[in-house]
Amino acid sequence: MDERKRIDPRSGFNRASRIFHSLKPPLPLPPPNATFSATTYALSLRRNSLFPDSTTALIDATTGHRLSHYEVINRIETLANNFTSILKLSKGDTALILSPNLIQVPILCFALLSLGVVVSPANPISTRSDLTRLFHLSKPAIVFTVTSVVEKTQDFHVRTVLLDSPEFDSLTKTRIQIHPPSPLVSPVTQSDVAAILYSSGTTGMMKGVVMTHRNLTALAAGYDAVRVNRKYPAVFFFTMPFFHVYGFTLSFRAMVLSETVVIMERFSLRGMLSAVERFGVTHLAVVPPLMVALTKDSVTNGYDLKTLEGVTCGSSPLGKETAEAFKAKFPNVMILQGYGLTESTAGVARTSPEDANRAGTTGRLVSGVEAKIVNPNTGEAMFPCEQGELWIKSPSIMKGYVGDPEATSATLVDGWLRTGDLCYFDNEGFLYVVDRLKELIKYKGYQVTYIAIKYL
């Protein structure tokens, strides 16, 4: 029997295999042996956009400085050239990025990725203890940081470049040729490591999540698959830092879909509301506590937020009461939710506009994703409406944890990612997150176990 015929068209569930399948069309991914970087692929998808290269790509919310997509692409290419000719960076090197949200950061990341240099963005307010762990995990050949943070990195004796310096600005604008010319750049393959992002993993202490160019290519293809025709480009305000998987992946979305991104170096709620008014922001990417704040008249009074069309909420489930209060206050603003982990590179489930009034769900599986609900005691796959640990499989699943084969083998089982989340799917294929199998506390953007706190 044809495998597709076994799949319930309402839920995506295959009763024979007990696997939930995405009801979306498959992703048109390039061959796994293709030799190009995630940057090259993301830029190629921009050709599907109706908007010209003169469209604004990045806006600094503090200064109002703007860069068009043409300028951003030119700076990416110029920077990549200068990295090879001047800094002698090459495929396989790792670059640790310790920076607040600056418009330089996405340009830097795309330039490094185009060369096959592994990008490793991390929290700039990391403690020295955390930094020691970061340097141990990533073993960087170079550090990109800012003046206010650089002192923290000096003990590690690694070459350092300041993103807020005139020298770096020059590297993005002036292509410098060295004689003799640099050797040819090694081609980047889909299986090459692209990034190391940091996560507590599904079980506690900070780990380096290894992503390949294939993972990021699948991410970009997923954004292209949900492209909608608009009269004007969407304008996103980023509340999440670029070192967080939420912010990191949304920079790919903006590139693929030719969107405009408003970036604020130091987030403040009133600064965000002012930016919505000043720059005509259409979409916010937020976390539930921000949604709670936006429901309060004392917070939003005095700001013109009429350009808002949608709010994408992630990081943790949004409460029903908060969603209802937000909809009552902003009836014309769509609430979209999703589910994902650093280890999955991107969201693996997402609500669509027509699902906006469904309370409690994080949506249906996106293209290319399979899932199963596993009984944590027996290892048996479960049926719809039964709770168990969520396991997921997709082209965006991480390669593993850097330098930690034990944690990798415990989390990746025969290609399946064990999420550590207690979940269930209903009879229509909507995912609901119930709890953590092992309870975690969030502190300053990191997940901390009770065991970790015990040893602090």
Protein backbone atom coordinates (compact mmCIF):
# COMPACT_ATOMS: atom_id res chain seq x y z
CA MET A 1 0.00 0.00 0.00
CA ASP A 2 1.24 3.48 -0.90
CA GLU A 3 2.67 5.05 2.28
CA ARG A 4 0.92 8.37 1.61
CA LYS A 5 -2.46 6.60 1.56
CA ARG A 6 -1.87 5.38 5.10
CA ILE A 7 -1.70 8.97 6.35
CA ASP A 8 -4.83 10.49 7.87
CA PRO A 9 -5.55 13.61 5.75
CA ARG A 10 -6.83 15.47 8.83
CA SER A 11 -4.06 14.79 11.34
CA GLY A 12 -1.15 13.52 9.24
CA PHE A 13 -1.00 10.42 11.46
CA ASN A 14 0.06 7.05 10.05
CA ARG A 15 -1.49 4.37 12.26
CA ALA A 16 0.86 1.68 10.95
CA SER A 17 4.08 3.54 11.80
CA ARG A 18 2.52 5.78 14.48
CA ILE A 19 4.31 8.75 12.94
CA PHE A 20 2.76 12.17 12.41
CA HIS A 21 3.58 13.74 9.02
CA SER A 22 3.36 17.32 7.86
CA LEU A 23 0.32 17.98 5.69
CA LYS A 24 2.27 20.66 3.82
CA PRO A 25 3.91 19.93 0.43
CA PRO A 26 7.48 18.57 0.68
CA LEU A 27 10.33 21.09 0.69
CA PRO A 28 12.08 21.41 -2.71
CA LEU A 29 15.57 21.00 -1.26
CA PRO A 30 18.73 20.93 -3.38
CA PRO A 31 20.67 17.63 -3.53
CA PRO A 32 22.53 16.75 -0.30
CA ASN A 33 25.83 16.76 -2.20
CA ALA A 34 25.33 20.29 -3.60
CA THR A 35 28.37 22.53 -3.16
CA PHE A 36 27.15 25.91 -2.01
CA SER A 37 26.76 27.68 1.31
CA ALA A 38 23.60 28.54 3.20
CA THR A 39 24.31 32.19 2.33
CA THR A 40 24.40 31.43 -1.39
CA TYR A 41 21.15 29.50 -1.18
CA ALA A 42 19.35 32.17 0.87
CA LEU A 43 20.44 34.88 -1.57
CA SER A 44 19.25 32.77 -4.52
CA LEU A 45 15.76 32.56 -3.01
CA ARG A 46 15.56 36.36 -2.93
CA ARG A 47 15.00 36.17 -6.68
CA ASN A 48 11.50 34.89 -5.90
CA SER A 49 10.70 38.24 -4.28
CA LEU A 50 8.71 40.92 -6.06
CA PHE A 51 10.59 43.66 -4.23
CA PRO A 52 13.63 45.43 -5.73
CA ASP A 53 17.13 45.40 -4.23
CA SER A 54 16.57 49.02 -3.20
CA THR A 55 14.12 47.79 -0.53
CA THR A 56 15.34 48.60 2.97
CA ALA A 57 16.87 45.54 4.64
CA LEU A 58 18.14 46.79 8.00
CA ILE A 59 17.26 49.76 10.19
CA ASP A 60 19.13 50.81 13.32
CA ALA A 61 16.29 51.79 15.68
CA THR A 62 18.53 54.12 17.68
CA THR A 63 20.09 56.15 14.87
CA GLY A 64 17.57 55.55 12.09
CA HIS A 65 20.42 54.45 9.80
CA ARG A 66 19.20 52.25 6.94
CA LEU A 67 20.80 49.77 4.57
CA SER A 68 19.08 48.47 1.44
CA HIS A 69 19.22 44.82 0.40
CA TYR A 70 21.63 45.85 -2.35
CA GLU A 71 23.93 47.49 0.19
CA VAL A 72 23.71 44.51 2.55
CA ILE A 73 24.57 42.01 -0.19
CA ASN A 74 27.45 44.21 -1.36
CA ARG A 75 28.80 44.42 2.19
CA ILE A 76 28.50 40.66 2.65
CA GLU A 77 30.54 40.05 -0.50
CA THR A 78 33.10 42.75 0.34
CA LEU A 79 33.52 41.46 3.88
CA ALA A 80 33.94 37.87 2.69
CA ASN A 81 36.64 38.98 0.26
CA ASN A 82 38.51 40.89 2.96
CA PHE A 83 38.23 38.04 5.44
CA THR A 84 40.13 35.76 3.08
CA SER A 85 42.63 38.32 1.77
CA ILE A 86 43.41 40.23 4.98
CA LEU A 87 42.35 38.13 7.97
CA LYS A 88 43.17 34.84 6.21
CA LEU A 89 40.00 33.18 7.45
CA SER A 90 39.13 29.95 5.71
CA LYS A 91 36.65 27.10 5.67
CA GLY A 92 36.55 25.25 8.97
CA ASP A 93 37.71 28.16 11.14
CA THR A 94 35.32 29.15 13.93
CA ALA A 95 34.37 32.77 14.66
CA LEU A 96 32.94 33.52 18.10
CA ILE A 97 30.59 36.53 18.02
CA LEU A 98 29.99 38.37 21.30
CA SER A 99 27.80 41.34 20.47
CA PRO A 100 24.49 43.00 21.24
CA ASN A 101 22.06 43.36 18.36
CA LEU A 102 23.79 45.55 15.78
CA ILE A 103 23.12 45.84 12.05
CA GLN A 104 26.69 44.61 11.54
CA VAL A 105 25.89 41.18 13.01
CA PRO A 106 23.70 39.64 10.26
CA ILE A 107 26.08 41.01 7.61
CA LEU A 108 28.98 39.42 9.48
CA CYS A 109 27.22 36.07 9.84
CA PHE A 110 26.25 35.80 6.18
CA ALA A 111 29.79 36.75 5.09
CA LEU A 112 31.37 34.13 7.34
CA LEU A 113 28.91 31.44 6.27
CA SER A 114 29.64 32.13 2.60
CA LEU A 115 33.27 31.14 3.24
CA GLY A 116 32.49 28.04 5.26
CA VAL A 117 33.67 29.72 8.47
CA VAL A 118 31.67 28.40 11.42
CA VAL A 119 29.68 31.19 13.09
CA SER A 120 29.23 30.94 16.84
CA PRO A 121 27.13 33.79 18.29
CA ALA A 122 26.94 33.96 22.09
CA ASN A 123 25.53 36.13 24.83
CA PRO A 124 27.71 39.26 25.27
CA ILE A 125 26.86 39.43 28.97
CA SER A 126 28.21 35.92 29.56
CA THR A 127 30.17 35.52 32.78
CA ARG A 128 33.85 34.63 32.68
CA SER A 129 32.90 31.11 33.69
CA ASP A 130 30.47 30.90 30.76
CA LEU A 131 33.08 32.36 28.40
CA THR A 132 35.60 29.74 29.46
CA ARG A 133 33.02 27.10 28.56
CA LEU A 134 32.25 28.84 25.24
CA PHE A 135 35.91 29.04 24.23
CA HIS A 136 36.41 25.40 25.22
CA LEU A 137 33.47 24.27 23.10
CA SER A 138 34.00 26.41 19.99
CA LYS A 139 37.82 26.75 19.94
CA PRO A 140 37.54 30.00 17.93
CA ALA A 141 40.21 31.21 15.54
CA ILE A 142 38.87 34.76 15.88
CA VAL A 143 36.47 36.73 18.07
CA PHE A 144 34.16 39.49 16.84
CA THR A 145 32.95 41.69 19.67
CA VAL A 146 32.36 45.31 20.73
CA THR A 147 34.29 47.81 22.81
CA SER A 148 32.12 47.36 25.90
CA VAL A 149 32.73 43.61 25.96
CA VAL A 150 36.27 43.16 24.65
CA GLU A 151 37.91 43.21 28.08
CA LYS A 152 36.22 39.91 28.93
CA THR A 153 37.90 38.16 26.01
CA GLN A 154 41.49 39.29 26.54
CA ASP A 155 42.42 36.42 28.85
CA PHE A 156 41.82 33.93 26.05
CA HIS A 157 44.51 35.36 23.71
CA VAL A 158 42.50 34.98 20.51
CA ARG A 159 42.65 37.46 17.63
CA THR A 160 39.84 39.99 18.13
CA VAL A 161 37.99 42.38 15.81
CA LEU A 162 35.73 45.16 17.10
CA LEU A 163 32.44 45.46 15.24
CA ASP A 164 31.98 49.06 16.40
CA SER A 165 35.37 50.20 15.08
CA PRO A 166 36.17 52.26 11.95
CA GLU A 167 38.42 49.39 10.83
CA PHE A 168 35.54 46.92 10.67
CA ASP A 169 33.35 49.48 8.90
CA SER A 170 36.09 49.83 6.30
CA LEU A 171 36.24 46.05 5.86
CA THR A 172 32.55 46.08 4.89
CA LYS A 173 32.88 48.89 2.34
CA THR A 174 36.26 48.68 0.62
CA ARG A 175 37.36 45.54 -1.17
CA ILE A 176 41.09 45.14 -0.64
CA GLN A 177 43.24 43.03 -2.93
CA ILE A 178 46.44 41.53 -1.60
CA HIS A 179 49.33 40.48 -3.83
CA PRO A 180 49.92 37.67 -4.30
CA PRO A 181 46.19 36.94 -4.23
CA SER A 182 44.74 34.58 -1.64
CA PRO A 183 44.40 30.94 -2.66
CA LEU A 184 41.05 29.84 -4.06
CA VAL A 185 38.35 29.45 -1.44
CA SER A 186 37.42 25.82 -0.74
CA PRO A 187 33.87 24.99 -1.83
CA VAL A 188 31.29 24.70 0.93
CA THR A 189 29.24 21.49 1.02
CA GLN A 190 25.85 20.87 2.56
CA SER A 191 27.35 18.59 5.20
CA ASP A 192 29.89 21.18 6.39
CA VAL A 193 29.40 22.69 9.83
CA ALA A 194 27.82 26.14 9.54
CA ALA A 195 27.14 27.29 13.09
CA ILE A 196 27.46 26.50 16.76
CA LEU A 197 24.66 27.95 18.88
CA TYR A 198 24.47 27.52 22.61
CA SER A 199 21.71 25.79 24.50
CA SER A 200 21.19 24.07 27.80
CA GLY A 201 20.25 21.12 25.62
CA THR A 202 17.28 19.05 26.65
CA THR A 203 18.90 18.14 29.97
CA GLY A 204 20.70 21.08 31.63
CA MET A 205 24.25 22.43 31.30
CA MET A 206 25.24 24.64 28.36
CA LYS A 207 26.06 22.76 25.17
CA GLY A 208 27.22 23.79 21.72
CA VAL A 209 24.59 22.85 19.12
CA VAL A 210 26.23 22.03 15.79
CA MET A 211 24.28 23.07 12.69
CA THR A 212 25.25 22.23 9.13
CA HIS A 213 24.74 24.20 5.94
CA ARG A 214 22.06 21.60 5.11
CA ASN A 215 20.19 22.57 8.28
CA LEU A 216 20.25 26.27 7.33
CA THR A 217 19.40 25.50 3.69
CA ALA A 218 16.30 23.64 4.91
CA LEU A 219 15.50 26.62 7.13
CA ALA A 220 15.68 29.01 4.16
CA ALA A 221 13.62 26.67 1.96
CA GLY A 222 10.97 26.53 4.68
CA TYR A 223 10.64 30.31 4.72
CA ASP A 224 10.42 30.40 0.93
CA ALA A 225 7.63 27.80 1.06
CA VAL A 226 5.39 30.12 3.12
CA ARG A 227 6.08 33.23 1.03
CA VAL A 228 2.97 35.34 0.48
CA ASN A 229 2.52 38.10 -2.06
CA ARG A 230 2.43 41.52 -0.41
CA LYS A 231 2.06 44.99 -1.82
CA TYR A 232 4.82 46.25 0.47
CA PRO A 233 7.60 44.39 2.30
CA ALA A 234 6.90 43.27 5.85
CA VAL A 235 8.76 45.27 8.51
CA PHE A 236 9.90 43.11 11.43
CA PHE A 237 11.08 44.37 14.80
CA PHE A 238 13.47 41.92 16.45
CA THR A 239 13.09 41.62 20.19
CA MET A 240 15.22 38.49 20.36
CA PRO A 241 19.03 38.64 20.31
CA PHE A 242 20.90 37.28 17.31
CA PHE A 243 22.74 34.79 19.52
CA HIS A 244 19.41 33.10 20.31
CA VAL A 245 18.14 30.62 17.73
CA TYR A 246 14.94 32.68 17.40
CA GLY A 247 16.83 35.81 16.34
CA PHE A 248 19.47 33.91 14.35
CA THR A 249 16.93 32.12 12.17
CA LEU A 250 14.70 35.17 11.64
CA SER A 251 17.64 36.91 9.97
CA PHE A 252 17.45 34.15 7.32
CA ARG A 253 13.74 34.76 6.94
CA ALA A 254 14.32 38.46 6.32
CA MET A 255 16.96 37.73 3.68
CA VAL A 256 14.89 35.10 1.86
CA LEU A 257 11.67 37.11 1.85
CA SER A 258 13.26 40.57 1.28
CA GLU A 259 11.79 41.86 4.52
CA THR A 260 12.88 44.89 6.49
CA VAL A 261 14.33 44.31 9.95
CA VAL A 262 14.42 46.95 12.68
CA ILE A 263 17.24 46.27 15.15
CA MET A 264 17.63 47.75 18.62
CA GLU A 265 20.98 47.39 20.39
CA ARG A 266 19.52 47.51 23.89
CA PHE A 267 15.92 46.42 24.04
CA SER A 268 13.35 48.44 25.93
CA LEU A 269 9.59 48.11 25.73
CA ARG A 270 9.03 51.82 25.11
CA GLY A 271 11.81 51.84 22.55
CA MET A 272 10.06 49.01 20.70
CA LEU A 273 6.72 50.83 20.74
CA SER A 274 8.39 54.00 19.49
CA ALA A 275 10.05 52.01 16.68
CA VAL A 276 6.70 50.53 15.62
CA GLU A 277 5.38 54.07 15.24
CA ARG A 278 8.50 55.58 13.59
CA PHE A 279 9.29 52.82 11.10
CA GLY A 280 5.84 51.41 10.32
CA VAL A 281 6.58 48.02 11.85
CA THR A 282 4.13 45.37 10.63
CA HIS A 283 5.31 42.36 12.62
CA LEU A 284 6.78 41.73 16.05
CA ALA A 285 8.70 38.62 17.05
CA VAL A 286 8.12 38.33 20.80
CA VAL A 287 8.00 36.05 23.83
CA PRO A 288 4.94 35.60 26.12
CA PRO A 289 5.99 38.13 28.81
CA LEU A 290 6.04 40.85 26.13
CA MET A 291 2.56 39.82 25.02
CA VAL A 292 1.38 40.28 28.61
CA ALA A 293 2.91 43.77 28.70
CA LEU A 294 1.26 44.75 25.41
CA THR A 295 -2.19 44.02 26.83
CA LYS A 296 -1.78 46.81 29.41
CA ASP A 297 -3.13 50.24 28.41
CA SER A 298 -0.62 51.92 30.72
CA VAL A 299 2.15 50.55 28.50
CA THR A 300 0.79 51.25 25.01
CA ASN A 301 -1.10 54.53 25.55
CA GLY A 302 0.41 57.36 23.53
CA TYR A 303 1.81 55.15 20.75
CA ASP A 304 0.35 54.77 17.26
CA LEU A 305 0.50 51.03 16.54
CA LYS A 306 -1.91 50.94 13.59
CA THR A 307 0.67 49.46 11.19
CA LEU A 308 0.89 46.22 13.22
CA GLU A 309 -0.43 43.21 11.29
CA GLY A 310 0.94 40.24 13.18
CA VAL A 311 2.77 39.10 16.28
CA THR A 312 4.80 35.90 16.23
CA CYS A 313 5.17 34.45 19.71
CA GLY A 314 7.72 31.79 20.57
CA SER A 315 10.14 30.52 23.22
CA SER A 316 7.36 29.21 25.51
CA PRO A 317 3.60 28.55 25.24
CA LEU A 318 1.28 31.55 25.23
CA GLY A 319 -1.48 31.38 27.83
CA LYS A 320 -5.10 31.41 26.69
CA GLU A 321 -5.98 34.42 28.86
CA THR A 322 -3.08 36.45 27.47
CA ALA A 323 -4.04 35.58 23.89
CA GLU A 324 -7.66 36.58 24.50
CA ALA A 325 -6.67 39.85 26.18
CA PHE A 326 -4.36 40.70 23.27
CA LYS A 327 -7.04 39.94 20.66
CA ALA A 328 -9.55 42.07 22.56
CA LYS A 329 -7.16 45.02 22.50
CA PHE A 330 -5.74 44.46 18.99
CA PRO A 331 -8.56 42.74 17.04
CA ASN A 332 -6.85 43.32 13.68
CA VAL A 333 -3.47 41.90 14.70
CA MET A 334 -2.87 38.22 13.98
CA ILE A 335 -1.24 36.08 16.68
CA LEU A 336 0.99 33.33 15.31
CA GLN A 337 2.68 30.74 17.50
CA GLY A 338 5.28 28.10 16.88
CA TYR A 339 7.35 25.38 18.46
CA GLY A 340 11.05 24.72 18.02
CA LEU A 341 14.35 24.24 19.80
CA THR A 342 17.91 25.29 19.18
CA GLU A 343 18.52 21.62 18.34
CA SER A 344 15.87 21.71 15.60
CA THR A 345 17.43 24.89 14.06
CA ALA A 346 13.98 26.29 13.42
CA GLY A 347 10.33 25.99 14.24
CA VAL A 348 8.98 22.52 13.53
CA ALA A 349 5.34 23.43 14.19
CA ARG A 350 3.57 26.69 13.46
CA THR A 351 0.07 28.11 13.44
CA SER A 352 -1.25 29.64 10.23
CA PRO A 353 -3.49 32.73 10.05
CA GLU A 354 -6.63 30.58 9.85
CA ASP A 355 -5.60 28.82 13.10
CA ALA A 356 -5.16 32.06 15.02
CA ASN A 357 -8.19 31.53 17.25
CA ARG A 358 -7.14 28.06 18.40
CA ALA A 359 -6.11 28.43 22.02
CA GLY A 360 -3.18 26.54 23.48
CA THR A 361 -1.75 24.99 20.34
CA THR A 362 1.63 25.71 18.79
CA GLY A 363 0.30 24.69 15.38
CA ARG A 364 0.76 21.90 12.88
CA LEU A 365 4.00 20.41 11.60
CA VAL A 366 5.75 22.52 8.96
CA SER A 367 6.99 21.15 5.64
CA GLY A 368 9.52 18.35 5.83
CA VAL A 369 8.89 17.46 9.49
CA GLU A 370 7.86 14.12 10.98
CA ALA A 371 7.04 13.57 14.64
CA LYS A 372 6.00 10.92 17.09
CA ILE A 373 4.80 10.93 20.67
CA VAL A 374 6.74 8.36 22.68
CA ASN A 375 5.81 6.83 26.01
CA PRO A 376 8.82 7.78 28.20
CA ASN A 377 8.50 4.56 30.20
CA THR A 378 8.02 1.96 27.45
CA GLY A 379 9.49 3.69 24.37
CA GLU A 380 6.29 2.90 22.48
CA ALA A 381 4.92 5.42 19.96
CA MET A 382 1.51 6.79 20.94
CA PHE A 383 -1.73 7.71 19.16
CA PRO A 384 -3.44 11.11 18.75
CA CYS A 385 -4.59 12.72 22.02
CA GLU A 386 -2.15 10.61 24.05
CA GLN A 387 0.62 12.37 25.95
CA GLY A 388 4.29 11.46 25.75
CA GLU A 389 7.71 12.82 24.83
CA LEU A 390 7.83 14.59 21.48
CA TRP A 391 10.40 13.16 19.03
CA ILE A 392 10.98 14.99 15.75
CA LYS A 393 12.81 14.34 12.48
CA SER A 394 13.56 16.83 9.70
CA PRO A 395 16.40 18.14 7.49
CA SER A 396 16.90 20.96 10.01
CA ILE A 397 17.76 18.72 12.98
CA MET A 398 21.21 19.48 14.41
CA LYS A 399 24.27 17.38 13.69
CA GLY A 400 24.92 17.00 17.43
CA TYR A 401 26.52 18.64 20.45
CA VAL A 402 30.09 19.75 19.90
CA GLY A 403 32.57 17.65 21.88
CA ASP A 404 29.83 15.74 23.69
CA PRO A 405 29.13 12.38 22.03
CA GLU A 406 27.34 11.08 25.12
CA ALA A 407 24.76 13.90 25.12
CA THR A 408 24.45 13.61 21.33
CA SER A 409 23.68 9.89 21.42
CA ALA A 410 21.18 10.42 24.26
CA THR A 411 19.35 13.16 22.32
CA LEU A 412 19.59 11.87 18.73
CA VAL A 413 18.21 8.34 18.30
CA ASP A 414 18.20 6.87 14.78
CA GLY A 415 17.78 10.34 13.28
CA TRP A 416 15.07 11.37 15.75
CA LEU A 417 15.53 14.32 18.10
CA ARG A 418 14.24 13.69 21.61
CA THR A 419 12.90 17.06 22.74
CA GLY A 420 12.35 16.34 26.44
CA ASP A 421 8.92 17.97 26.15
CA LEU A 422 5.68 16.30 27.20
CA CYS A 423 3.24 16.87 24.32
CA TYR A 424 0.34 15.48 22.36
CA PHE A 425 -1.26 15.91 18.92
CA ASP A 426 -5.02 16.21 18.62
CA ASN A 427 -7.12 14.51 15.93
CA GLU A 428 -6.46 17.38 13.52
CA GLY A 429 -2.68 17.28 13.86
CA PHE A 430 -2.30 20.30 16.15
CA LEU A 431 0.56 20.09 18.64
CA TYR A 432 0.08 20.93 22.32
CA VAL A 433 2.99 21.33 24.73
CA VAL A 434 2.01 20.18 28.22
CA ASP A 435 5.20 20.32 30.30
CA ARG A 436 8.88 19.51 30.50
CA LEU A 437 9.74 15.92 31.34
CA LYS A 438 12.56 17.38 33.42
CA GLU A 439 11.57 20.78 34.77
CA LEU A 440 13.80 23.68 33.80
CA ILE A 441 13.99 27.26 35.07
CA LYS A 442 14.75 30.10 32.64
CA TYR A 443 17.25 32.68 33.81
CA LYS A 444 18.49 35.54 31.55
CA GLY A 445 17.55 33.62 28.43
CA TYR A 446 19.13 30.32 29.53
CA GLN A 447 17.46 27.20 30.85
CA VAL A 448 18.72 26.12 34.26
CA THR A 449 17.92 22.89 36.08
CA TYR A 450 17.40 22.63 39.81
CA ILE A 451 20.53 20.46 39.85
CA ALA A 452 22.57 23.22 38.19
CA ILE A 453 21.33 25.76 40.75
CA LYS A 454 22.31 23.40 43.54
CA TYR A 455 25.95 23.63 42.47
CA LEU A 456 26.08 27.39 41.89
